[in-house]
């Protein structure tokens, strides 16, 4: 599963995580918000 990595310096765009992929991950329960 995909999970946020606070130490990662790459943006969502740089790893290919676009709005469509985010929506797909949310539907499957694999999208996690970064902690504050």
Protein backbone atom coordinates (compact mmCIF):
# COMPACT_ATOMS: atom_id res chain seq x y z
CA UNK A 1 0.00 0.00 0.00
CA UNK A 2 0.95 3.61 -0.44
CA UNK A 3 1.68 5.57 2.71
CA UNK A 4 3.09 9.05 3.27
CA UNK A 5 6.74 9.42 4.12
CA UNK A 6 7.36 12.74 5.90
CA UNK A 7 11.08 12.61 5.09
CA UNK A 8 10.49 12.15 1.35
CA UNK A 9 11.61 15.17 -0.67
CA UNK A 10 9.69 14.22 -3.83
CA UNK A 11 6.35 15.82 -4.60
CA UNK A 12 3.23 13.88 -5.54
CA UNK A 13 3.71 15.04 -9.13
CA UNK A 14 7.31 13.79 -9.22
CA UNK A 15 6.27 10.27 -8.22
CA UNK A 16 3.27 10.22 -10.55
CA UNK A 17 0.57 10.55 -7.90
CA UNK A 18 -2.05 12.60 -9.73
CA UNK A 19 -5.65 13.35 -8.73
CA UNK A 20 -6.93 10.24 -10.52
CA UNK A 21 -4.49 7.96 -8.67
CA UNK A 22 -5.30 9.68 -5.34
CA UNK A 23 -9.02 9.06 -5.93
CA UNK A 24 -8.31 5.40 -6.74
CA UNK A 25 -6.29 5.03 -3.53
CA UNK A 26 -9.04 6.69 -1.48
CA UNK A 27 -11.63 4.27 -2.89
CA UNK A 28 -9.44 1.30 -1.96
CA UNK A 29 -8.65 2.66 1.53
CA UNK A 30 -4.94 3.09 0.81
CA UNK A 31 -4.67 6.89 0.91
CA UNK A 32 -3.25 8.40 4.10
CA UNK A 33 -2.84 12.07 5.00
CA UNK A 34 0.54 13.29 6.18
CA UNK A 35 0.64 14.06 9.89
CA UNK A 36 1.03 17.71 10.87
